[in-house]
C-alpha atoms as a PDB file:
ATOM      1  CA  MET A   1     -29.975  61.027   1.378  1.00  0.00           C
ATOM      2  CA  GLN A   2     -26.954  63.878  -0.225  1.00  0.00           C
ATOM      3  CA  PHE A   3     -24.401  61.004   0.841  1.00  0.00           C
ATOM      4  CA  GLU A   4     -26.890  58.230  -0.054  1.00  0.00           C
ATOM      5  CA  HIS A   5     -26.891  59.805  -3.689  1.00  0.00           C
ATOM      6  CA  THR A   6     -23.078  60.182  -3.931  1.00  0.00           C
ATOM      7  CA  TYR A   7     -22.468  57.143  -3.124  1.00  0.00           C
ATOM      8  CA  LYS A   8     -25.012  55.653  -5.582  1.00  0.00           C
ATOM      9  CA  GLN A   9     -23.436  57.723  -7.895  1.00  0.00           C
ATOM     10  CA  TYR A  10     -19.918  56.654  -7.664  1.00  0.00           C
ATOM     11  CA  ASP A  11     -21.144  52.581  -7.501  1.00  0.00           C
ATOM     12  CA  ALA A  12     -22.490  53.376 -10.424  1.00  0.00           C
ATOM     13  CA  GLU A  13     -19.217  54.899 -12.009  1.00  0.00           C
ATOM     14  CA  LEU A  14     -17.246  52.076 -10.953  1.00  0.00           C
ATOM     15  CA  GLU A  15     -19.574  49.597 -12.675  1.00  0.00           C
ATOM     16  CA  ALA A  16     -19.728  51.343 -15.890  1.00  0.00           C
ATOM     17  CA  VAL A  17     -15.885  51.096 -15.809  1.00  0.00           C
ATOM     18  CA  ARG A  18     -15.991  47.445 -15.261  1.00  0.00           C
ATOM     19  CA  ALA A  19     -18.352  46.600 -18.080  1.00  0.00           C
ATOM     20  CA  LYS A  20     -16.410  48.508 -20.553  1.00  0.00           C
ATOM     21  CA  VAL A  21     -13.571  46.287 -19.541  1.00  0.00           C
ATOM     22  CA  LEU A  22     -15.512  43.269 -20.026  1.00  0.00           C
ATOM     23  CA  GLU A  23     -16.397  44.821 -23.569  1.00  0.00           C
ATOM     24  CA  MET A  24     -12.781  45.228 -24.498  1.00  0.00           C
ATOM     25  CA  GLY A  25     -12.445  41.547 -23.420  1.00  0.00           C
ATOM     26  CA  GLY A  26     -15.976  40.890 -25.029  1.00  0.00           C
ATOM     27  CA  LEU A  27     -13.947  42.033 -28.042  1.00  0.00           C
ATOM     28  CA  VAL A  28      -9.939  41.234 -28.177  1.00  0.00           C
ATOM     29  CA  GLU A  29     -11.725  37.507 -27.968  1.00  0.00           C
ATOM     30  CA  GLN A  30     -13.607  37.852 -30.591  1.00  0.00           C
ATOM     31  CA  GLN A  31     -10.380  39.228 -32.934  1.00  0.00           C
ATOM     32  CA  ILE A  32      -8.329  35.948 -31.287  1.00  0.00           C
ATOM     33  CA  VAL A  33     -11.772  33.851 -33.054  1.00  0.00           C
ATOM     34  CA  ASN A  34     -11.271  35.562 -36.392  1.00  0.00           C
ATOM     35  CA  ALA A  35      -7.327  36.128 -36.410  1.00  0.00           C
ATOM     36  CA  LEU A  36      -7.438  31.696 -36.731  1.00  0.00           C
ATOM     37  CA  GLU A  37     -10.235  31.634 -38.953  1.00  0.00           C
ATOM     38  CA  ALA A  38      -8.456  33.993 -41.165  1.00  0.00           C
ATOM     39  CA  LEU A  39      -5.250  31.805 -40.886  1.00  0.00           C
ATOM     40  CA  VAL A  40      -6.618  28.508 -41.170  1.00  0.00           C
ATOM     41  CA  SER A  41      -8.961  29.247 -43.670  1.00  0.00           C
ATOM     42  CA  ALA A  42      -6.930  31.356 -46.163  1.00  0.00           C
ATOM     43  CA  ASN A  43      -9.214  34.685 -46.027  1.00  0.00           C
ATOM     44  CA  PRO A  44      -7.602  37.710 -46.569  1.00  0.00           C
ATOM     45  CA  THR A  45     -10.617  39.491 -45.633  1.00  0.00           C
ATOM     46  CA  LEU A  46     -11.117  38.348 -42.281  1.00  0.00           C
ATOM     47  CA  ALA A  47      -7.371  39.097 -41.982  1.00  0.00           C
ATOM     48  CA  GLU A  48      -7.838  42.556 -42.894  1.00  0.00           C
ATOM     49  CA  THR A  49     -10.912  43.246 -40.797  1.00  0.00           C
ATOM     50  CA  VAL A  50      -9.186  41.732 -37.478  1.00  0.00           C
ATOM     51  CA  ILE A  51      -6.182  44.404 -38.160  1.00  0.00           C
ATOM     52  CA  LYS A  52      -8.964  47.704 -38.773  1.00  0.00           C
ATOM     53  CA  ASN A  53     -10.729  46.648 -35.744  1.00  0.00           C
ATOM     54  CA  ASP A  54      -7.514  46.881 -33.756  1.00  0.00           C
ATOM     55  CA  HIS A  55      -8.260  50.617 -33.361  1.00  0.00           C
ATOM     56  CA  GLN A  56     -11.531  49.457 -31.856  1.00  0.00           C
ATOM     57  CA  VAL A  57      -9.522  47.750 -28.705  1.00  0.00           C
ATOM     58  CA  ASN A  58      -7.159  50.710 -28.033  1.00  0.00           C
ATOM     59  CA  ALA A  59      -9.931  53.204 -28.588  1.00  0.00           C
ATOM     60  CA  LEU A  60     -11.517  51.531 -25.636  1.00  0.00           C
ATOM     61  CA  GLU A  61      -8.395  51.137 -23.444  1.00  0.00           C
ATOM     62  CA  VAL A  62      -7.764  54.976 -23.522  1.00  0.00           C
ATOM     63  CA  GLN A  63     -11.762  55.258 -22.874  1.00  0.00           C
ATOM     64  CA  VAL A  64     -11.238  53.193 -19.856  1.00  0.00           C
ATOM     65  CA  ASP A  65      -8.380  54.918 -18.966  1.00  0.00           C
ATOM     66  CA  GLU A  66      -9.918  58.223 -18.868  1.00  0.00           C
ATOM     67  CA  ASP A  67     -12.656  57.091 -16.636  1.00  0.00           C
ATOM     68  CA  CYS A  68     -10.642  55.908 -14.189  1.00  0.00           C
ATOM     69  CA  SER A  69      -8.306  58.943 -14.235  1.00  0.00           C
ATOM     70  CA  HIS A  70     -11.598  60.860 -13.692  1.00  0.00           C
ATOM     71  CA  ILE A  71     -12.733  59.168 -10.972  1.00  0.00           C
ATOM     72  CA  ILE A  72      -9.538  58.617  -8.764  1.00  0.00           C
ATOM     73  CA  ALA A  73      -9.565  62.698  -9.011  1.00  0.00           C
ATOM     74  CA  ARG A  74     -13.237  63.206  -8.447  1.00  0.00           C
ATOM     75  CA  ARG A  75     -13.851  60.415  -5.748  1.00  0.00           C
ATOM     76  CA  GLN A  76     -10.383  59.953  -3.986  1.00  0.00           C
ATOM     77  CA  PRO A  77     -10.703  56.367  -3.443  1.00  0.00           C
ATOM     78  CA  ALA A  78      -9.144  54.462  -0.769  1.00  0.00           C
ATOM     79  CA  ALA A  79      -8.782  50.306   0.258  1.00  0.00           C
ATOM     80  CA  GLY A  80     -10.318  47.797  -1.635  1.00  0.00           C
ATOM     81  CA  ASP A  81     -11.534  50.665  -4.260  1.00  0.00           C
ATOM     82  CA  LEU A  82      -8.295  52.170  -4.754  1.00  0.00           C
ATOM     83  CA  ARG A  83      -6.662  48.042  -5.282  1.00  0.00           C
ATOM     84  CA  MET A  84      -9.856  47.844  -7.871  1.00  0.00           C
ATOM     85  CA  ILE A  85      -9.161  51.051 -10.110  1.00  0.00           C
ATOM     86  CA  MET A  86      -5.417  50.252 -10.100  1.00  0.00           C
ATOM     87  CA  MET A  87      -6.125  46.576 -10.912  1.00  0.00           C
ATOM     88  CA  ILE A  88      -8.392  47.595 -13.612  1.00  0.00           C
ATOM     89  CA  VAL A  89      -5.912  49.856 -15.374  1.00  0.00           C
ATOM     90  CA  LYS A  90      -3.260  47.036 -15.239  1.00  0.00           C
ATOM     91  CA  THR A  91      -6.248  44.874 -16.830  1.00  0.00           C
ATOM     92  CA  ILE A  92      -7.078  47.220 -20.030  1.00  0.00           C
ATOM     93  CA  THR A  93      -3.144  47.409 -20.942  1.00  0.00           C
ATOM     94  CA  ASP A  94      -2.852  42.852 -21.109  1.00  0.00           C
ATOM     95  CA  LEU A  95      -6.397  43.020 -23.206  1.00  0.00           C
ATOM     96  CA  GLU A  96      -4.230  45.670 -25.816  1.00  0.00           C
ATOM     97  CA  ARG A  97      -1.505  43.236 -25.710  1.00  0.00           C
ATOM     98  CA  ILE A  98      -3.778  40.747 -26.464  1.00  0.00           C
ATOM     99  CA  GLY A  99      -5.400  42.696 -28.982  1.00  0.00           C
ATOM    100  CA  ASP A 100      -2.154  43.314 -30.674  1.00  0.00           C
ATOM    101  CA  GLU A 101      -1.021  39.616 -30.904  1.00  0.00           C
ATOM    102  CA  ALA A 102      -4.368  38.664 -32.799  1.00  0.00           C
ATOM    103  CA  THR A 103      -3.545  41.238 -35.323  1.00  0.00           C
ATOM    104  CA  LYS A 104       0.349  39.588 -35.667  1.00  0.00           C
ATOM    105  CA  ILE A 105      -1.563  36.399 -36.769  1.00  0.00           C
ATOM    106  CA  ALA A 106      -4.147  38.287 -38.782  1.00  0.00           C
ATOM    107  CA  ARG A 107      -1.063  40.219 -40.658  1.00  0.00           C
ATOM    108  CA  VAL A 108       1.407  36.635 -40.770  1.00  0.00           C
ATOM    109  CA  ALA A 109      -2.159  35.255 -42.538  1.00  0.00           C
ATOM    110  CA  GLN A 110      -1.925  37.827 -45.258  1.00  0.00           C
ATOM    111  CA  LYS A 111       1.388  37.333 -45.782  1.00  0.00           C
ATOM    112  CA  ILE A 112       1.224  33.523 -46.168  1.00  0.00           C
ATOM    113  CA  TYR A 113      -1.378  33.746 -48.364  1.00  0.00           C
ATOM    114  CA  GLU A 114      -0.575  37.136 -50.275  1.00  0.00           C
ATOM    115  CA  SER A 115       1.658  34.202 -52.817  1.00  0.00           C
ATOM    116  CA  ASP A 116       1.820  30.603 -53.635  1.00  0.00           C
ATOM    117  CA  ARG A 117       3.645  28.839 -50.909  1.00  0.00           C
ATOM    118  CA  MET A 118       5.338  24.909 -52.167  1.00  0.00           C
ATOM    119  CA  PHE A 119       3.863  23.749 -48.199  1.00  0.00           C
ATOM    120  CA  THR A 120       1.036  24.612 -46.729  1.00  0.00           C
ATOM    121  CA  PRO A 121       1.296  25.529 -43.220  1.00  0.00           C
ATOM    122  CA  ARG A 122      -0.040  23.156 -40.540  1.00  0.00           C
ATOM    123  CA  PHE A 123      -1.910  24.485 -37.497  1.00  0.00           C
ATOM    124  CA  ALA A 124      -3.149  21.361 -35.676  1.00  0.00           C
ATOM    125  CA  GLU A 125      -1.264  22.048 -32.592  1.00  0.00           C
ATOM    126  CA  ILE A 126      -1.709  26.202 -33.191  1.00  0.00           C
ATOM    127  CA  LYS A 127      -5.095  25.366 -33.094  1.00  0.00           C
ATOM    128  CA  ALA A 128      -4.889  23.487 -29.895  1.00  0.00           C
ATOM    129  CA  MET A 129      -3.020  25.786 -28.231  1.00  0.00           C
ATOM    130  CA  VAL A 130      -6.166  29.048 -29.043  1.00  0.00           C
ATOM    131  CA  GLY A 131      -9.211  26.911 -27.387  1.00  0.00           C
ATOM    132  CA  LEU A 132      -6.843  27.202 -24.656  1.00  0.00           C
ATOM    133  CA  VAL A 133      -6.298  30.205 -24.510  1.00  0.00           C
ATOM    134  CA  ARG A 134      -9.636  31.286 -25.349  1.00  0.00           C
ATOM    135  CA  GLU A 135     -10.503  29.244 -22.319  1.00  0.00           C
ATOM    136  CA  MET A 136      -8.334  31.010 -19.706  1.00  0.00           C
ATOM    137  CA  LEU A 137      -8.903  34.534 -21.097  1.00  0.00           C
ATOM    138  CA  ARG A 138     -12.963  33.777 -20.353  1.00  0.00           C
ATOM    139  CA  THR A 139     -11.866  32.323 -17.615  1.00  0.00           C
ATOM    140  CA  SER A 140     -10.211  35.384 -16.188  1.00  0.00           C
ATOM    141  CA  LEU A 141     -12.908  37.272 -17.207  1.00  0.00           C
ATOM    142  CA  ASP A 142     -15.694  36.039 -15.684  1.00  0.00           C
ATOM    143  CA  ALA A 143     -13.543  36.498 -12.263  1.00  0.00           C
ATOM    144  CA  PHE A 144     -13.007  39.313 -13.244  1.00  0.00           C
ATOM    145  CA  ALA A 145     -17.317  40.420 -13.660  1.00  0.00           C
ATOM    146  CA  ARG A 146     -17.957  38.029 -10.409  1.00  0.00           C
ATOM    147  CA  LEU A 147     -15.263  39.330  -8.340  1.00  0.00           C
ATOM    148  CA  ASP A 148     -14.634  35.120  -7.831  1.00  0.00           C
ATOM    149  CA  VAL A 149     -10.796  34.367  -7.468  1.00  0.00           C
ATOM    150  CA  SER A 150     -12.120  30.728  -7.309  1.00  0.00           C
ATOM    151  CA  LYS A 151     -11.100  29.254 -10.905  1.00  0.00           C
ATOM    152  CA  THR A 152      -7.660  31.884 -10.871  1.00  0.00           C
ATOM    153  CA  VAL A 153      -6.148  28.874 -10.230  1.00  0.00           C
ATOM    154  CA  GLU A 154      -6.907  26.753 -12.457  1.00  0.00           C
ATOM    155  CA  VAL A 155      -5.732  30.027 -15.107  1.00  0.00           C
ATOM    156  CA  ALA A 156      -2.683  29.418 -14.005  1.00  0.00           C
ATOM    157  CA  ARG A 157      -2.285  25.676 -14.593  1.00  0.00           C
ATOM    158  CA  GLN A 158      -3.339  26.338 -17.932  1.00  0.00           C
ATOM    159  CA  ASP A 159      -0.840  29.038 -18.657  1.00  0.00           C
ATOM    160  CA  GLU A 160       1.477  26.020 -17.415  1.00  0.00           C
ATOM    161  CA  GLN A 161      -0.513  23.547 -20.293  1.00  0.00           C
ATOM    162  CA  VAL A 162       0.064  26.900 -23.091  1.00  0.00           C
ATOM    163  CA  ASP A 163       4.061  26.928 -22.480  1.00  0.00           C
ATOM    164  CA  GLU A 164       4.372  22.933 -23.068  1.00  0.00           C
ATOM    165  CA  GLN A 165       2.209  23.110 -25.924  1.00  0.00           C
ATOM    166  CA  PHE A 166       4.228  25.752 -27.874  1.00  0.00           C
ATOM    167  CA  ARG A 167       7.658  23.814 -26.551  1.00  0.00           C
ATOM    168  CA  VAL A 168       6.233  21.021 -28.041  1.00  0.00           C
ATOM    169  CA  ALA A 169       4.966  22.696 -31.431  1.00  0.00           C
ATOM    170  CA  MET A 170       8.929  25.037 -31.761  1.00  0.00           C
ATOM    171  CA  ARG A 171      10.319  20.978 -31.298  1.00  0.00           C
ATOM    172  CA  GLN A 172       8.361  19.927 -34.511  1.00  0.00           C
ATOM    173  CA  LEU A 173       8.714  22.970 -36.184  1.00  0.00           C
ATOM    174  CA  ILE A 174      12.526  22.779 -35.976  1.00  0.00           C
ATOM    175  CA  THR A 175      12.382  19.244 -36.988  1.00  0.00           C
ATOM    176  CA  PHE A 176      10.627  20.385 -39.931  1.00  0.00           C
ATOM    177  CA  MET A 177      13.061  22.680 -40.701  1.00  0.00           C
ATOM    178  CA  LEU A 178      16.006  20.322 -40.170  1.00  0.00           C
ATOM    179  CA  GLU A 179      14.949  17.558 -42.580  1.00  0.00           C
ATOM    180  CA  ASP A 180      13.782  20.275 -45.631  1.00  0.00           C
ATOM    181  CA  PRO A 181      15.402  23.324 -45.573  1.00  0.00           C
ATOM    182  CA  ARG A 182      12.254  24.611 -47.513  1.00  0.00           C
ATOM    183  CA  THR A 183      10.207  24.476 -45.449  1.00  0.00           C
ATOM    184  CA  ILE A 184      11.940  26.966 -43.505  1.00  0.00           C
ATOM    185  CA  SER A 185      10.313  29.947 -44.074  1.00  0.00           C
ATOM    186  CA  MET A 186       6.856  28.553 -43.207  1.00  0.00           C
ATOM    187  CA  SER A 187       7.511  26.652 -40.234  1.00  0.00           C
ATOM    188  CA  LEU A 188       8.934  30.646 -39.257  1.00  0.00           C
ATOM    189  CA  GLU A 189       5.934  32.000 -39.401  1.00  0.00           C
ATOM    190  CA  VAL A 190       3.287  29.265 -38.008  1.00  0.00           C
ATOM    191  CA  LEU A 191       6.591  29.067 -34.681  1.00  0.00           C
ATOM    192  CA  PHE A 192       6.138  33.237 -34.675  1.00  0.00           C
ATOM    193  CA  VAL A 193       2.384  32.714 -34.569  1.00  0.00           C
ATOM    194  CA  ALA A 194       2.531  29.756 -31.565  1.00  0.00           C
ATOM    195  CA  LYS A 195       4.869  32.833 -29.800  1.00  0.00           C
ATOM    196  CA  ALA A 196       1.870  34.842 -30.302  1.00  0.00           C
ATOM    197  CA  ILE A 197      -0.567  32.128 -28.545  1.00  0.00           C
ATOM    198  CA  GLU A 198       1.194  31.452 -25.633  1.00  0.00           C
ATOM    199  CA  ARG A 199       2.183  35.256 -25.243  1.00  0.00           C
ATOM    200  CA  ILE A 200      -1.594  35.435 -25.514  1.00  0.00           C
ATOM    201  CA  GLY A 201      -1.976  33.357 -22.348  1.00  0.00           C
ATOM    202  CA  ASP A 202       0.360  35.004 -20.054  1.00  0.00           C
ATOM    203  CA  HIS A 203      -1.712  37.659 -20.823  1.00  0.00           C
ATOM    204  CA  SER A 204      -4.977  36.071 -19.189  1.00  0.00           C
ATOM    205  CA  LYS A 205      -3.049  34.749 -17.018  1.00  0.00           C
ATOM    206  CA  ASN A 206      -2.016  38.493 -15.442  1.00  0.00           C
ATOM    207  CA  ILE A 207      -5.367  39.315 -15.251  1.00  0.00           C
ATOM    208  CA  ALA A 208      -6.003  36.387 -12.890  1.00  0.00           C
ATOM    209  CA  GLU A 209      -3.875  37.561 -10.753  1.00  0.00           C
ATOM    210  CA  TYR A 210      -5.102  41.026 -10.792  1.00  0.00           C
ATOM    211  CA  VAL A 211      -8.324  39.935  -9.354  1.00  0.00           C
ATOM    212  CA  VAL A 212      -6.727  37.899  -7.044  1.00  0.00           C
ATOM    213  CA  TYR A 213      -4.768  40.996  -5.868  1.00  0.00           C
ATOM    214  CA  MET A 214      -8.529  43.169  -5.888  1.00  0.00           C
ATOM    215  CA  VAL A 215     -10.177  40.814  -3.692  1.00  0.00           C
ATOM    216  CA  LYS A 216      -7.473  39.252  -1.612  1.00  0.00           C
ATOM    217  CA  GLY A 217      -5.016  42.449  -1.422  1.00  0.00           C
ATOM    218  CA  LYS A 218      -2.655  39.874  -2.315  1.00  0.00           C
ATOM    219  CA  ASP A 219       0.034  40.218  -4.798  1.00  0.00           C
ATOM    220  CA  VAL A 220       0.712  36.636  -6.669  1.00  0.00           C
ATOM    221  CA  ARG A 221       2.329  37.746  -9.205  1.00  0.00           C
ATOM    222  CA  HIS A 222       6.094  35.460 -10.071  1.00  0.00           C
ATOM    223  CA  THR A 223       4.545  33.021  -7.716  1.00  0.00           C
ATOM    224  CA  THR A 224       4.301  29.027  -8.046  1.00  0.00           C
ATOM    225  CA  VAL A 225       1.056  27.885  -9.020  1.00  0.00           C
ATOM    226  CA  GLU A 226       0.641  26.278  -5.256  1.00  0.00           C
ATOM    227  CA  GLU A 227       1.861  29.726  -3.818  1.00  0.00           C
ATOM    228  CA  MET A 228      -0.965  31.407  -5.356  1.00  0.00           C
ATOM    229  CA  GLU A 229      -3.317  28.432  -4.215  1.00  0.00           C
ATOM    230  CA  ARG A 230      -2.791  28.831  -0.927  1.00  0.00           C
ATOM    231  CA  GLU A 231      -3.615  32.550  -1.252  1.00  0.00           C
ATOM    232  CA  THR A 232      -6.818  32.085  -2.867  1.00  0.00           C
ATOM    233  CA  LEU A 233      -8.100  29.855  -0.498  1.00  0.00           C
END
């Protein structure tokens, strides 16, 4: 009975950590949504909220990191449990960096609307990219919650789409700058935002790859989509 109680307590500790990771994931997704809304709707108050809320993301990272350290010290996990804890630590690092990218977008929103601009930034391409990276993040977190690798390859494919959308946006912005040098300042700021979104996609893909390692014990980082698909079958 004592061993059964200990195992149940151990499982409860692992589930509590996983729950905090998902809480952190929900928070960073909301940060992305709010940062884009602040940018598109010229809402400096919302941008400031995103910047202030970044400390909540950082605090959750610290909490989960400490929880994982305590579990390793007390429980000395092996095999699958150790893999899970290692990947949780990596996952919260990527989530924290996604939060940082959302904060960068919020700061650009503040900068763009601090003074009157001759040209209003175009955000059509940005909106499409954000929709895709939000879906990637949500799918990765769902895979993490369910320990299900079935949709992780889909995230990797979507990351390739995000990369292509970034290249298209970059070419368009370069064209604007060449045709009218007065758009250079605005175009560079939009390009900065597009790069932040592209990085969010990269971090979301990383989380999906960690799920594959947790479940399958296979490291699919730096592999092709086709290789990743074979490992998840």
